[in-house]
C-alpha atoms as a PDB file:
ATOM      1  CA  MET A   1      34.327 -80.749   1.266  1.00  0.00           C
ATOM      2  CA  VAL A   2      34.087 -77.596   3.374  1.00  0.00           C
ATOM      3  CA  ALA A   3      34.511 -77.886   7.142  1.00  0.00           C
ATOM      4  CA  VAL A   4      33.401 -75.495   9.851  1.00  0.00           C
ATOM      5  CA  GLU A   5      33.604 -75.791  13.606  1.00  0.00           C
ATOM      6  CA  PHE A   6      31.280 -74.353  16.224  1.00  0.00           C
ATOM      7  CA  GLU A   7      30.042 -75.181  19.691  1.00  0.00           C
ATOM      8  CA  THR A   8      26.386 -75.632  20.502  1.00  0.00           C
ATOM      9  CA  TYR A   9      24.062 -77.506  22.806  1.00  0.00           C
ATOM     10  CA  ALA A  10      21.845 -80.425  21.913  1.00  0.00           C
ATOM     11  CA  LYS A  11      18.314 -80.514  23.317  1.00  0.00           C
ATOM     12  CA  ASN A  12      16.072 -83.526  22.807  1.00  0.00           C
ATOM     13  CA  GLY A  13      18.377 -84.729  20.042  1.00  0.00           C
ATOM     14  CA  ILE A  14      18.218 -81.444  18.128  1.00  0.00           C
ATOM     15  CA  ILE A  15      21.334 -79.432  17.307  1.00  0.00           C
ATOM     16  CA  LYS A  16      20.909 -75.898  15.992  1.00  0.00           C
ATOM     17  CA  ILE A  17      23.256 -74.677  13.299  1.00  0.00           C
ATOM     18  CA  PRO A  18      24.224 -71.015  13.818  1.00  0.00           C
ATOM     19  CA  GLU A  19      22.740 -68.530  11.338  1.00  0.00           C
ATOM     20  CA  LYS A  20      26.169 -67.607   9.998  1.00  0.00           C
ATOM     21  CA  TYR A  21      26.363 -71.126   8.530  1.00  0.00           C
ATOM     22  CA  ARG A  22      23.033 -70.753   6.718  1.00  0.00           C
ATOM     23  CA  GLU A  23      24.515 -72.358   3.596  1.00  0.00           C
ATOM     24  CA  PHE A  24      24.830 -75.637   5.556  1.00  0.00           C
ATOM     25  CA  MET A  25      21.210 -75.770   6.732  1.00  0.00           C
ATOM     26  CA  ASP A  26      19.966 -77.721   3.719  1.00  0.00           C
ATOM     27  CA  GLY A  27      21.628 -80.657   2.092  1.00  0.00           C
ATOM     28  CA  GLU A  28      23.762 -83.614   3.029  1.00  0.00           C
ATOM     29  CA  LEU A  29      26.125 -83.128   5.933  1.00  0.00           C
ATOM     30  CA  LYS A  30      28.715 -85.246   7.683  1.00  0.00           C
ATOM     31  CA  ILE A  31      28.458 -84.722  11.427  1.00  0.00           C
ATOM     32  CA  ILE A  32      31.199 -85.560  13.941  1.00  0.00           C
ATOM     33  CA  MET A  33      30.180 -85.083  17.562  1.00  0.00           C
ATOM     34  CA  LEU A  34      32.570 -84.521  20.459  1.00  0.00           C
ATOM     35  CA  LYS A  35      31.184 -84.156  23.952  1.00  0.00           C
ATOM     36  CA  GLN A  36      33.168 -81.485  25.783  1.00  0.00           C
ATOM     37  CA  ASP A  37      32.896 -82.873  29.315  1.00  0.00           C
ATOM     38  CA  GLU A  38      34.176 -86.315  28.398  1.00  0.00           C
ATOM     39  CA  ILE A  39      37.014 -84.965  26.296  1.00  0.00           C
ATOM     40  CA  ALA A  40      38.174 -82.544  28.983  1.00  0.00           C
ATOM     41  CA  GLY A  41      37.807 -85.186  31.699  1.00  0.00           C
ATOM     42  CA  SER A  42      39.801 -87.719  29.712  1.00  0.00           C
ATOM     43  CA  ALA A  43      42.596 -85.239  29.016  1.00  0.00           C
ATOM     44  CA  ARG A  44      42.615 -84.213  32.676  1.00  0.00           C
ATOM     45  CA  ASN A  45      42.879 -87.859  33.752  1.00  0.00           C
ATOM     46  CA  ASN A  46      45.768 -88.444  31.346  1.00  0.00           C
ATOM     47  CA  LYS A  47      47.622 -85.380  32.649  1.00  0.00           C
ATOM     48  CA  MET A  48      47.025 -86.421  36.246  1.00  0.00           C
ATOM     49  CA  ALA A  49      48.384 -89.913  35.514  1.00  0.00           C
ATOM     50  CA  ASP A  50      51.493 -88.359  33.927  1.00  0.00           C
ATOM     51  CA  ILE A  51      52.022 -86.092  36.940  1.00  0.00           C
ATOM     52  CA  LYS A  52      51.649 -88.990  39.373  1.00  0.00           C
ATOM     53  CA  LYS A  53      54.115 -91.054  37.344  1.00  0.00           C
ATOM     54  CA  SER A  54      56.651 -88.205  37.363  1.00  0.00           C
ATOM     55  CA  LEU A  55      56.281 -87.669  41.108  1.00  0.00           C
ATOM     56  CA  LYS A  56      56.767 -91.377  41.723  1.00  0.00           C
ATOM     57  CA  GLN A  57      59.977 -91.323  39.668  1.00  0.00           C
ATOM     58  CA  ILE A  58      61.237 -88.313  41.640  1.00  0.00           C
ATOM     59  CA  ARG A  59      60.535 -90.111  44.925  1.00  0.00           C
ATOM     60  CA  GLU A  60      62.250 -93.288  43.727  1.00  0.00           C
ATOM     61  CA  ARG A  61      65.362 -91.423  42.562  1.00  0.00           C
ATOM     62  CA  ASN A  62      65.416 -89.313  45.732  1.00  0.00           C
ATOM     63  CA  ILE A  63      66.913 -86.463  43.730  1.00  0.00           C
ATOM     64  CA  PHE A  64      66.786 -83.973  46.611  1.00  0.00           C
ATOM     65  CA  GLN A  65      68.602 -86.127  49.173  1.00  0.00           C
ATOM     66  CA  ARG A  66      71.795 -84.021  49.105  1.00  0.00           C
ATOM     67  CA  ILE A  67      70.010 -80.725  49.814  1.00  0.00           C
ATOM     68  CA  ASP A  68      70.632 -79.779  53.424  1.00  0.00           C
ATOM     69  CA  SER A  69      68.975 -76.362  53.288  1.00  0.00           C
ATOM     70  CA  PRO A  70      66.176 -75.827  50.747  1.00  0.00           C
ATOM     71  CA  GLU A  71      66.383 -72.050  51.240  1.00  0.00           C
ATOM     72  CA  GLU A  72      70.114 -71.930  50.400  1.00  0.00           C
ATOM     73  CA  TRP A  73      69.582 -74.256  47.444  1.00  0.00           C
ATOM     74  CA  GLN A  74      66.842 -71.996  46.020  1.00  0.00           C
ATOM     75  CA  GLU A  75      68.952 -68.888  46.554  1.00  0.00           C
ATOM     76  CA  THR A  76      71.870 -70.527  44.707  1.00  0.00           C
ATOM     77  CA  LEU A  77      69.579 -71.378  41.786  1.00  0.00           C
ATOM     78  CA  ARG A  78      68.198 -67.852  41.650  1.00  0.00           C
ATOM     79  CA  ASN A  79      71.703 -66.392  41.675  1.00  0.00           C
ATOM     80  CA  GLU A  80      72.625 -68.579  38.702  1.00  0.00           C
ATOM     81  CA  TRP A  81      69.808 -66.984  36.674  1.00  0.00           C
ATOM     82  CA  SER A  82      71.045 -63.423  37.267  1.00  0.00           C
END
């Protein structure tokens, strides 16, 4: 089995195969369809859920409670990197 990947648009149930894949235009094919919008949206939702979970954990642990001056804290961190 030979596999190729390309992006295209479907119109009225018709998908055009690019000319460079002319060898695939006749014969039996196995088609797997992935709809871009749904895939991207799903991944975005999963990332957003992970971010919200992480922020909730940070709030619950109150990890910044001992920082009196955020500016001094950042400067100390930057100095450690030099």
